[in-house]
Amino acid sequence: MTAWLSIIGVGDDGLQNLKPAAQEALDQASLIIGGDRHLAMLPDDGREQKTWPSPLMQMVEEILARRGEPTCILATGDPMHFGIGVTFAKHLPPEEIAVYPAPSAFSLAAARLGWDLATTEMVTLHGRPLASLISHLAPDRRILALSDNGKTPAEVSALLISLGYEPSDLTVLEHMGGPEEDSHKGKATDFTGSRFKDFNTIAIQCRAASGTRVFSTAPGLPDDAYVHDGQLTKKDIRAATISALEPLPGQLLWDIGAGSGSIGIEWMRAVAQSRAIAIECASDRINLIEQNRRALGVPELKIIEGKAPDACAGLAEPDAVFIGGGILSEGIFETCWSALKPRGRIVINTVTVEGEHELFHLHREYGGNLSRLNISHASAIGRFTSWKPLRQVTQYKLVKS
C-alpha cells in the first residue's frame, strides 16, 4: 500500500511556506485533522475536517479504521519528535505514512539561544506529569521543555525552587517563527505565578543553590532518598542488583515484591525510555512507591497492587525480572521465567536460609550464577572504628537463551 496518511509539520508562520510535496499531500486529502489553530489556517472548501478529541487515541483509532482513505494530519513542528507521527509509526508500516517535518521547537529554541542541541536535554511536558522533569535536573545542564500550556513555566519555576534550583536561568519562548514571537528571561524565582501564551517552550540553564542535594542517575541512590518502612533494598545491594539486571533503552522490568519501589525507580532513572512495573501486595507500601516515583522523577512507573504470581497475569512480557520478595511463593519463578523474553534476565535476592535453599535448587536445575553479597560499613566504637556488616544477601541471576 502506498502512503495514504500524510503528516505535515506546520510552523507558527502558517501554511504559506509548505514545500510543494507537502502542499500537494494537503490538497489531495479528503480528511484533514489538526488542532483548532491549524484548521483555522485552511479555507472552507467542503472537505471533512476534524479536531483532536480527548483522549486523543479515539481519533487515532478512527483514522486507522479508515485506512487507505487520503488523510492529512496537520501537526506542529517535527511530527517525529514527541509528535503525532510517533504514535502512527507504532501502528502503521512506514510506506503507508508520508511525514513532512518543519523545524521543531527544539531547533528553533537552540537557534535563538545559541545552544548545542547535541548536548541539550530535550523533554516534553505536554500531556506528561511535571515530575518527569526531575530526573533530568543536574547542575549546569541545559534543558529544553515543551510546555503543556501557559501555566507550565510557573509550575516549572515552583518545582525548581522546591528542589533547590532557584538560581537557574529560565527563558520562555512564545510562538517561535510566527508574528507573535516573544521571549521572557529571568531566574526561576521571577516566573512564579506568571501566565504565558499556551504555545511556548521553556529553556532551563540549571544552577543549583549552595547545599542543594543532587542525585546521580547511576544506580545506588542514598537510602534516605526514599520514604520507606524498612522494606528497602539497601544502597550497595541495589547498585549490584541494577547492574545484574542490565537495563537497556526501551526495555521493561517487573519489580516483584517492590517494597518502596527502589529497584524499578533506579532501573528507569538509569537508562532513557526504560519502563518498569512495581508489583506489591501491601497497600501501605503502594503509597510509599507513589511518593518515591514522583519525588525521584519517574512518575511513569506503573504500580500493580497484588500478590505475584497472580498479579502478573495479563502484563506485558518483561525484558528483566527482579524478585526481591516472595521467591518461596508457589509458581512465582515459573510464571516469571515463562513470561520473560528471550535474552531476558531474572535476578533474585534473598536474605533467608529457606530462600537460599530455593536458589540453590534453581541453580542446579537451570544454571546461571549464584553470588553472595557481603557489605560492611565503617562505624565508630568509642574512640575506635570497626566494621558493621549489613545482612548478607544471596543473589541468583539467570539469562534466558
Protein backbone atom coordinates (compact mmCIF):
# COMPACT_ATOMS: atom_id res chain seq x y z
CA MET A 1 0.00 0.00 0.00
CA THR A 2 1.32 3.45 -0.90
CA ALA A 3 1.25 6.32 1.56
CA TRP A 4 -2.32 7.36 2.30
CA LEU A 5 -1.61 9.19 5.57
CA SER A 6 0.28 12.49 5.32
CA ILE A 7 1.54 14.16 8.49
CA ILE A 8 2.62 17.74 7.86
CA GLY A 9 4.60 19.80 10.33
CA VAL A 10 3.45 23.41 10.35
CA GLY A 11 5.38 26.32 11.77
CA ASP A 12 3.83 29.30 13.51
CA ASP A 13 4.14 31.17 10.22
CA GLY A 14 1.29 29.10 8.79
CA LEU A 15 0.82 27.12 5.59
CA GLN A 16 2.33 29.56 3.09
CA ASN A 17 5.83 28.12 3.45
CA LEU A 18 4.94 24.46 2.91
CA LYS A 19 7.17 22.58 0.47
CA PRO A 20 5.44 21.61 -2.80
CA ALA A 21 5.21 17.91 -1.84
CA ALA A 22 3.55 18.76 1.47
CA GLN A 23 1.15 21.17 -0.21
CA GLU A 24 0.22 18.52 -2.77
CA ALA A 25 -0.46 15.97 0.00
CA LEU A 26 -2.70 18.51 1.75
CA ASP A 27 -4.57 19.33 -1.46
CA GLN A 28 -5.29 15.66 -2.19
CA ALA A 29 -6.58 14.75 1.28
CA SER A 30 -10.29 14.07 1.71
CA LEU A 31 -9.98 14.16 5.52
CA ILE A 32 -7.91 16.74 7.42
CA ILE A 33 -7.20 16.52 11.16
CA GLY A 34 -5.48 19.10 13.33
CA GLY A 35 -5.76 21.40 16.28
CA ASP A 36 -8.04 24.41 16.20
CA ARG A 37 -5.02 26.60 15.41
CA HIS A 38 -4.15 24.50 12.36
CA LEU A 39 -7.67 24.15 10.99
CA ALA A 40 -8.18 27.90 11.23
CA MET A 41 -5.49 28.27 8.55
CA LEU A 42 -7.50 26.27 6.00
CA PRO A 43 -10.07 27.57 3.51
CA ASP A 44 -13.62 26.25 3.82
CA ASP A 45 -13.62 24.09 0.68
CA GLY A 46 -16.11 21.47 1.84
CA ARG A 47 -13.61 18.78 2.76
CA GLU A 48 -14.09 16.92 6.04
CA GLN A 49 -12.15 18.43 8.94
CA LYS A 50 -11.80 17.10 12.49
CA THR A 51 -10.09 18.35 15.65
CA TRP A 52 -8.39 16.13 18.21
CA PRO A 53 -10.70 14.78 20.93
CA SER A 54 -9.74 13.79 24.45
CA PRO A 55 -8.48 11.16 24.77
CA LEU A 56 -6.50 11.53 21.57
CA MET A 57 -6.49 7.78 20.88
CA GLN A 58 -10.17 7.96 19.89
CA MET A 59 -9.21 9.85 16.73
CA VAL A 60 -6.16 7.63 16.14
CA GLU A 61 -8.45 4.59 16.13
CA GLU A 62 -10.92 6.32 13.80
CA ILE A 63 -8.16 7.19 11.33
CA LEU A 64 -6.84 3.62 11.40
CA ALA A 65 -10.38 2.34 10.78
CA ARG A 66 -10.44 4.46 7.60
CA ARG A 67 -7.15 3.04 6.43
CA GLY A 68 -6.43 3.79 2.79
CA GLU A 69 -8.50 6.98 2.61
CA PRO A 70 -6.35 10.02 1.67
CA THR A 71 -5.88 11.65 5.06
CA CYS A 72 -3.76 14.59 6.20
CA ILE A 73 -2.78 15.49 9.75
CA LEU A 74 -1.54 19.00 10.45
CA ALA A 75 0.89 18.98 13.36
CA THR A 76 3.30 21.42 14.98
CA GLY A 77 6.97 21.41 14.04
CA ASP A 78 8.55 17.99 13.65
CA PRO A 79 5.86 15.28 13.99
CA MET A 80 8.52 12.67 14.77
CA HIS A 81 9.93 14.50 17.80
CA PHE A 82 7.44 13.98 20.64
CA GLY A 83 4.75 14.33 17.99
CA ILE A 84 1.76 12.54 16.49
CA GLY A 85 3.94 10.90 13.86
CA VAL A 86 5.47 8.71 16.55
CA THR A 87 2.01 7.44 17.53
CA PHE A 88 1.09 6.40 14.00
CA ALA A 89 4.52 4.87 13.35
CA LYS A 90 3.67 2.35 16.08
CA HIS A 91 0.54 1.25 14.20
CA LEU A 92 1.44 1.52 10.52
CA PRO A 93 4.38 0.47 8.32
CA PRO A 94 6.50 3.42 7.13
CA GLU A 95 5.45 3.02 3.50
CA GLU A 96 1.86 3.98 4.44
CA ILE A 97 2.91 7.28 6.05
CA ALA A 98 4.45 10.38 4.47
CA VAL A 99 5.91 12.81 7.01
CA TYR A 100 6.80 16.39 6.09
CA PRO A 101 8.56 17.94 9.10
CA ALA A 102 9.02 21.61 9.87
CA PRO A 103 11.74 22.85 12.26
CA SER A 104 10.95 21.61 15.75
CA ALA A 105 10.55 23.89 18.75
CA PHE A 106 13.84 22.46 19.98
CA SER A 107 15.67 23.50 16.81
CA LEU A 108 14.13 26.96 16.87
CA ALA A 109 14.91 27.47 20.57
CA ALA A 110 18.51 26.29 20.15
CA ALA A 111 18.91 28.73 17.26
CA ARG A 112 17.56 31.60 19.37
CA LEU A 113 19.74 30.77 22.37
CA GLY A 114 22.90 29.56 20.65
CA TRP A 115 22.67 26.17 22.39
CA ASP A 116 24.22 22.98 21.07
CA LEU A 117 21.30 20.56 20.66
CA ALA A 118 23.64 17.56 20.87
CA THR A 119 24.44 18.45 24.48
CA THR A 120 20.99 19.74 25.45
CA GLU A 121 18.37 17.60 27.17
CA MET A 122 15.06 17.69 25.26
CA VAL A 123 11.86 16.76 27.08
CA THR A 124 8.14 17.31 26.75
CA LEU A 125 5.71 18.27 29.48
CA HIS A 126 2.80 18.28 27.05
CA GLY A 127 0.35 15.79 28.50
CA ARG A 128 3.08 14.46 30.83
CA PRO A 129 3.45 14.74 34.61
CA LEU A 130 5.55 17.70 35.73
CA ALA A 131 7.55 15.32 37.96
CA SER A 132 9.04 13.70 34.84
CA LEU A 133 11.35 16.73 34.64
CA ILE A 134 13.02 15.90 37.97
CA SER A 135 15.24 13.07 36.74
CA HIS A 136 16.72 15.41 34.09
CA LEU A 137 17.83 18.10 36.55
CA ALA A 138 21.56 18.40 37.21
CA PRO A 139 23.89 21.34 37.87
CA ASP A 140 24.90 23.16 34.68
CA ARG A 141 22.65 21.02 32.47
CA ARG A 142 20.70 22.71 29.69
CA ILE A 143 17.11 21.57 29.20
CA LEU A 144 14.53 22.46 26.57
CA ALA A 145 10.99 21.53 27.60
CA LEU A 146 7.79 21.70 25.56
CA SER A 147 5.07 23.28 27.68
CA ASP A 148 1.65 21.82 28.27
CA ASN A 149 0.03 25.26 28.45
CA GLY A 150 0.59 28.85 29.56
CA LYS A 151 0.81 27.89 33.23
CA THR A 152 3.62 25.38 32.71
CA PRO A 153 6.52 27.88 33.11
CA ALA A 154 5.24 28.91 36.54
CA GLU A 155 4.83 25.26 37.53
CA VAL A 156 8.38 24.51 36.37
CA SER A 157 9.61 27.52 38.32
CA ALA A 158 7.92 26.32 41.51
CA LEU A 159 9.37 22.83 41.03
CA LEU A 160 12.90 24.17 40.55
CA ILE A 161 12.61 26.32 43.67
CA SER A 162 11.33 23.39 45.74
CA LEU A 163 14.34 21.28 44.69
CA GLY A 164 17.00 23.94 45.33
CA TYR A 165 17.43 25.07 41.73
CA GLU A 166 16.13 28.60 42.24
CA PRO A 167 19.29 30.24 40.73
CA SER A 168 18.52 28.55 37.38
CA ASP A 169 18.14 30.80 34.34
CA LEU A 170 14.84 30.41 32.50
CA THR A 171 13.76 31.62 29.08
CA VAL A 172 10.17 31.25 27.93
CA LEU A 173 9.91 31.38 24.14
CA GLU A 174 6.43 32.01 22.75
CA HIS A 175 5.19 31.38 19.19
CA MET A 176 8.66 30.97 17.69
CA GLY A 177 8.77 31.62 13.98
CA GLY A 178 5.46 33.48 13.89
CA PRO A 179 4.29 37.09 14.04
CA GLU A 180 3.56 36.79 17.79
CA GLU A 181 7.05 35.56 18.71
CA ASP A 182 8.28 36.79 22.07
CA SER A 183 10.70 35.68 24.78
CA HIS A 184 10.99 36.28 28.51
CA LYS A 185 14.18 35.75 30.51
CA GLY A 186 14.87 35.59 34.23
CA LYS A 187 15.68 33.44 37.22
CA ALA A 188 13.34 30.68 38.34
CA THR A 189 12.12 32.96 41.12
CA ASP A 190 10.99 35.54 38.54
CA PHE A 191 8.38 33.26 37.00
CA THR A 192 6.30 32.17 40.00
CA GLY A 193 2.64 32.90 39.36
CA SER A 194 3.28 34.04 35.78
CA ARG A 195 1.00 33.14 32.86
CA PHE A 196 2.17 32.97 29.26
CA LYS A 197 0.66 32.13 25.91
CA ASP A 198 -0.19 28.45 25.66
CA PHE A 199 2.16 27.86 22.72
CA ASN A 200 5.53 28.15 24.45
CA THR A 201 8.81 26.34 25.06
CA ILE A 202 10.90 26.60 28.23
CA ALA A 203 14.70 26.77 28.24
CA ILE A 204 16.36 25.93 31.55
CA GLN A 205 20.01 26.53 32.37
CA CYS A 206 20.17 24.52 35.58
CA ARG A 207 22.01 26.07 38.50
CA ALA A 208 21.86 24.54 41.97
CA ALA A 209 21.90 26.66 45.12
CA SER A 210 24.60 26.01 47.69
CA GLY A 211 23.69 22.96 49.75
CA THR A 212 21.21 21.60 47.21
CA ARG A 213 21.08 17.83 47.28
CA VAL A 214 21.81 16.39 43.85
CA PHE A 215 21.11 12.77 42.89
CA SER A 216 23.00 10.97 40.14
CA THR A 217 21.20 8.70 37.69
CA ALA A 218 23.78 6.00 38.47
CA PRO A 219 22.34 3.08 40.50
CA GLY A 220 22.72 3.24 44.25
CA LEU A 221 20.89 6.34 45.48
CA PRO A 222 21.29 7.04 49.20
CA ASP A 223 18.81 5.07 51.29
CA ASP A 224 17.35 8.28 52.71
CA ALA A 225 16.38 9.41 49.20
CA TYR A 226 13.37 7.12 49.72
CA VAL A 227 10.46 7.14 52.12
CA HIS A 228 10.19 3.57 53.36
CA ASP A 229 9.16 1.34 56.23
CA GLY A 230 12.40 -0.63 56.31
CA GLN A 231 11.43 -2.76 53.28
CA LEU A 232 14.14 -1.28 51.08
CA THR A 233 16.95 -2.86 49.08
CA LYS A 234 19.96 -1.07 50.58
CA LYS A 235 22.16 1.19 48.50
CA ASP A 236 25.11 -1.13 47.83
CA ILE A 237 22.91 -4.15 47.14
CA ARG A 238 20.66 -2.01 44.95
CA ALA A 239 23.59 -0.89 42.81
CA ALA A 240 24.75 -4.50 42.37
CA THR A 241 21.20 -5.60 41.56
CA ILE A 242 20.62 -2.95 38.88
CA SER A 243 23.99 -3.88 37.37
CA ALA A 244 22.92 -7.54 37.25
CA LEU A 245 19.59 -6.62 35.63
CA GLU A 246 21.44 -4.78 32.83
CA PRO A 247 18.91 -2.04 31.95
CA LEU A 248 18.69 -1.16 28.26
CA PRO A 249 16.71 1.59 26.46
CA GLY A 250 13.02 0.82 26.00
CA GLN A 251 13.09 -2.41 27.99
CA LEU A 252 10.53 -3.42 30.61
CA LEU A 253 11.23 -4.60 34.16
CA TRP A 254 8.91 -6.45 36.51
CA ASP A 255 9.84 -5.49 40.08
CA ILE A 256 8.13 -8.15 42.19
CA GLY A 257 7.76 -7.52 45.90
CA ALA A 258 8.64 -3.91 45.15
CA GLY A 259 8.59 -2.66 48.75
CA SER A 260 9.36 1.04 48.39
CA GLY A 261 9.85 0.78 44.63
CA SER A 262 13.60 1.44 44.64
CA ILE A 263 14.64 -1.16 42.05
CA GLY A 264 12.03 -0.13 39.49
CA ILE A 265 12.76 3.55 40.10
CA GLU A 266 16.51 3.20 39.63
CA TRP A 267 16.04 0.95 36.59
CA MET A 268 14.06 3.79 34.96
CA ARG A 269 16.47 6.51 36.08
CA ALA A 270 19.50 4.61 34.78
CA VAL A 271 18.52 4.42 31.08
CA ALA A 272 16.31 6.62 28.91
CA GLN A 273 12.96 5.22 27.73
CA SER A 274 13.15 2.23 30.07
CA ARG A 275 9.90 1.08 31.69
CA ALA A 276 9.05 -0.72 34.91
CA ILE A 277 6.09 -2.26 36.71
CA ALA A 278 6.19 -2.38 40.51
CA ILE A 279 4.15 -5.27 41.92
CA GLU A 280 3.42 -5.04 45.65
CA CYS A 281 0.74 -6.68 47.79
CA ALA A 282 0.96 -4.41 50.87
CA SER A 283 -1.39 -1.46 50.42
CA ASP A 284 0.58 0.82 52.77
CA ARG A 285 3.68 0.30 50.63
CA ILE A 286 1.78 1.24 47.47
CA ASN A 287 1.56 4.76 48.89
CA LEU A 288 5.32 4.77 49.52
CA ILE A 289 6.01 3.75 45.91
CA GLU A 290 3.73 6.53 44.67
CA GLN A 291 5.61 9.10 46.75
CA ASN A 292 9.02 7.84 45.66
CA ARG A 293 8.25 7.66 41.94
CA ARG A 294 7.14 11.31 41.94
CA ALA A 295 9.96 12.60 44.13
CA LEU A 296 12.65 10.85 42.08
CA GLY A 297 11.30 11.83 38.68
CA VAL A 298 9.79 8.64 37.26
CA PRO A 299 6.02 9.16 37.60
CA GLU A 300 5.51 6.77 34.65
CA LEU A 301 6.48 3.80 36.87
CA LYS A 302 3.41 1.56 36.78
CA ILE A 303 2.15 0.18 40.09
CA ILE A 304 0.17 -3.05 40.44
CA GLU A 305 -1.30 -3.85 43.84
CA GLY A 306 -1.47 -7.60 44.24
CA LYS A 307 0.46 -10.75 45.04
CA ALA A 308 2.62 -12.50 42.46
CA PRO A 309 2.27 -14.66 40.51
CA ASP A 310 -1.47 -13.91 40.20
CA ALA A 311 -0.81 -10.17 39.83
CA CYS A 312 1.39 -10.85 36.79
CA ALA A 313 -1.49 -12.12 34.67
CA GLY A 314 -2.04 -10.03 31.56
CA LEU A 315 1.05 -7.87 31.96
CA ALA A 316 3.32 -7.11 29.01
CA GLU A 317 6.20 -9.56 28.66
CA PRO A 318 9.26 -8.32 30.56
CA ASP A 319 12.86 -7.98 29.42
CA ALA A 320 14.01 -8.36 33.01
CA VAL A 321 12.50 -9.52 36.29
CA PHE A 322 13.61 -8.77 39.82
CA ILE A 323 12.19 -10.83 42.67
CA GLY A 324 13.03 -9.11 45.91
CA GLY A 325 10.43 -10.87 47.98
CA GLY A 326 8.29 -13.97 47.74
CA ILE A 327 10.60 -16.41 45.98
CA LEU A 328 9.05 -19.17 48.12
CA SER A 329 5.58 -18.36 46.77
CA GLU A 330 4.30 -21.25 44.68
CA GLY A 331 4.69 -20.76 40.95
CA ILE A 332 6.37 -17.35 41.11
CA PHE A 333 9.62 -18.37 39.41
CA GLU A 334 7.88 -20.48 36.77
CA THR A 335 5.47 -17.66 35.91
CA CYS A 336 8.24 -15.09 35.57
CA TRP A 337 10.54 -17.42 33.64
CA SER A 338 7.76 -18.32 31.21
CA ALA A 339 6.86 -14.66 30.61
CA LEU A 340 10.45 -13.47 30.24
CA LYS A 341 11.53 -12.59 26.70
CA PRO A 342 14.49 -14.32 25.03
CA ARG A 343 17.77 -12.83 26.29
CA GLY A 344 15.84 -11.59 29.31
CA ARG A 345 17.41 -11.52 32.77
CA ILE A 346 15.93 -12.69 36.03
CA VAL A 347 17.60 -11.63 39.28
CA ILE A 348 16.50 -12.88 42.69
CA ASN A 349 17.75 -11.63 46.06
CA THR A 350 17.13 -13.39 49.36
CA VAL A 351 18.37 -12.98 52.93
CA THR A 352 16.83 -16.13 54.44
CA VAL A 353 18.20 -19.66 54.63
CA GLU A 354 14.96 -21.01 53.16
CA GLY A 355 15.17 -18.61 50.25
CA GLU A 356 18.81 -19.51 49.70
CA HIS A 357 17.90 -23.21 49.52
CA GLU A 358 15.37 -22.39 46.81
CA LEU A 359 18.04 -20.52 44.86
CA PHE A 360 20.40 -23.50 45.16
CA HIS A 361 17.63 -25.68 43.72
CA LEU A 362 17.05 -23.28 40.80
CA HIS A 363 20.78 -23.09 40.15
CA ARG A 364 21.06 -26.86 39.92
CA GLU A 365 18.07 -27.09 37.57
CA TYR A 366 18.60 -24.05 35.33
CA GLY A 367 22.24 -22.99 35.71
CA GLY A 368 23.00 -19.30 35.96
CA ASN A 369 25.14 -17.51 38.54
CA LEU A 370 24.94 -17.53 42.34
CA SER A 371 26.63 -14.80 44.36
CA ARG A 372 26.85 -13.81 48.00
CA LEU A 373 26.94 -10.10 48.66
CA ASN A 374 28.57 -9.12 51.93
CA ILE A 375 28.84 -5.40 52.62
CA SER A 376 30.30 -3.76 55.72
CA HIS A 377 30.44 -0.07 56.59
CA ALA A 378 32.90 1.53 58.99
CA SER A 379 31.33 2.77 62.22
CA ALA A 380 32.64 4.21 65.44
CA ILE A 381 33.06 2.16 68.60
CA GLY A 382 34.04 4.67 71.23
CA ARG A 383 37.40 6.11 70.18
CA PHE A 384 37.90 3.36 67.62
CA THR A 385 36.47 2.28 64.27
CA SER A 386 35.07 -1.10 63.40
CA TRP A 387 33.22 -2.71 60.52
CA LYS A 388 29.47 -3.07 60.82
CA PRO A 389 28.18 -5.74 58.40
CA LEU A 390 24.87 -5.49 56.59
CA ARG A 391 22.68 -8.55 56.33
CA GLN A 392 24.17 -10.99 53.82
CA VAL A 393 22.30 -11.25 50.51
CA THR A 394 22.33 -14.26 48.22
CA GLN A 395 21.77 -13.26 44.61
CA TYR A 396 20.82 -15.51 41.72
CA LYS A 397 20.98 -14.38 38.09
CA LEU A 398 19.76 -16.32 35.08
CA VAL A 399 19.67 -15.25 31.43
CA LYS A 400 17.09 -16.78 29.11
CA SER A 401 18.70 -18.11 25.95
